[in-house]
Amino acid sequence: MGLIITLLIIWLVLSILGLIIEGLLWLAFIGLVLFAATVVWGWVKRRART
């Protein structure tokens, strides 16, 4: 669970940096896609455990 939260924080920071720094909008897009993928991955792992 700690790994998933760490990844979520990293992807969120990358997304925010991509939105703040002009010209790095692609970084925001990648960060948001990775954030969503990590959320789905964590949700699937959590459901498999119960």
C-alpha atoms as a PDB file:
ATOM      1  CA  MET A   1       0.000   0.000   0.000  1.00  0.00           C
ATOM      2  CA  GLY A   2       2.911   2.334   0.700  1.00  0.00           C
ATOM      3  CA  LEU A   3       4.238   1.874  -2.837  1.00  0.00           C
ATOM      4  CA  ILE A   4       0.904   2.822  -4.359  1.00  0.00           C
ATOM      5  CA  ILE A   5       0.627   5.983  -2.269  1.00  0.00           C
ATOM      6  CA  THR A   6       4.212   6.933  -3.133  1.00  0.00           C
ATOM      7  CA  LEU A   7       3.502   6.482  -6.844  1.00  0.00           C
ATOM      8  CA  LEU A   8       0.306   8.519  -6.576  1.00  0.00           C
ATOM      9  CA  ILE A   9       2.203  11.377  -4.948  1.00  0.00           C
ATOM     10  CA  ILE A  10       4.937  11.265  -7.618  1.00  0.00           C
ATOM     11  CA  TRP A  11       2.392  11.293 -10.469  1.00  0.00           C
ATOM     12  CA  LEU A  12       0.479  14.138  -8.842  1.00  0.00           C
ATOM     13  CA  VAL A  13       3.647  16.228  -8.473  1.00  0.00           C
ATOM     14  CA  LEU A  14       4.576  15.581 -12.119  1.00  0.00           C
ATOM     15  CA  SER A  15       1.090  16.622 -13.224  1.00  0.00           C
ATOM     16  CA  ILE A  16       1.214  19.841 -11.231  1.00  0.00           C
ATOM     17  CA  LEU A  17       4.690  20.668 -12.564  1.00  0.00           C
ATOM     18  CA  GLY A  18       3.461  20.036 -16.095  1.00  0.00           C
ATOM     19  CA  LEU A  19       0.579  22.446 -15.597  1.00  0.00           C
ATOM     20  CA  ILE A  20       2.699  25.134 -13.923  1.00  0.00           C
ATOM     21  CA  ILE A  21       5.693  25.141 -16.273  1.00  0.00           C
ATOM     22  CA  GLU A  22       4.703  26.397 -19.691  1.00  0.00           C
ATOM     23  CA  GLY A  23       5.639  23.989 -22.457  1.00  0.00           C
ATOM     24  CA  LEU A  24       5.421  20.899 -20.260  1.00  0.00           C
ATOM     25  CA  LEU A  25       1.750  20.200 -20.779  1.00  0.00           C
ATOM     26  CA  TRP A  26       2.708  16.746 -22.051  1.00  0.00           C
ATOM     27  CA  LEU A  27       4.169  16.026 -18.596  1.00  0.00           C
ATOM     28  CA  ALA A  28       0.833  16.871 -16.992  1.00  0.00           C
ATOM     29  CA  PHE A  29      -0.948  14.520 -19.389  1.00  0.00           C
ATOM     30  CA  ILE A  30       1.467  11.652 -18.694  1.00  0.00           C
ATOM     31  CA  GLY A  31       1.264  12.289 -14.957  1.00  0.00           C
ATOM     32  CA  LEU A  32      -2.534  12.189 -15.005  1.00  0.00           C
ATOM     33  CA  VAL A  33      -2.587   8.973 -17.054  1.00  0.00           C
ATOM     34  CA  LEU A  34      -0.104   7.317 -14.690  1.00  0.00           C
ATOM     35  CA  PHE A  35      -2.075   8.592 -11.685  1.00  0.00           C
ATOM     36  CA  ALA A  36      -5.276   7.025 -13.041  1.00  0.00           C
ATOM     37  CA  ALA A  37      -3.492   3.759 -13.868  1.00  0.00           C
ATOM     38  CA  THR A  38      -2.039   3.570 -10.353  1.00  0.00           C
ATOM     39  CA  VAL A  39      -5.460   4.198  -8.797  1.00  0.00           C
ATOM     40  CA  VAL A  40      -6.957   1.371 -10.861  1.00  0.00           C
ATOM     41  CA  TRP A  41      -4.030  -0.929 -10.029  1.00  0.00           C
ATOM     42  CA  GLY A  42      -4.405  -0.229  -6.303  1.00  0.00           C
ATOM     43  CA  TRP A  43      -8.159  -0.754  -6.460  1.00  0.00           C
ATOM     44  CA  VAL A  44      -7.744  -4.121  -8.235  1.00  0.00           C
ATOM     45  CA  LYS A  45      -5.080  -5.278  -5.756  1.00  0.00           C
ATOM     46  CA  ARG A  46      -7.267  -4.250  -2.827  1.00  0.00           C
ATOM     47  CA  ARG A  47     -10.302  -6.098  -4.194  1.00  0.00           C
ATOM     48  CA  ALA A  48      -8.223  -9.228  -4.846  1.00  0.00           C
ATOM     49  CA  ARG A  49      -7.075  -9.237  -1.228  1.00  0.00           C
ATOM     50  CA  THR A  50     -10.607  -9.253   0.223  1.00  0.00           C
END
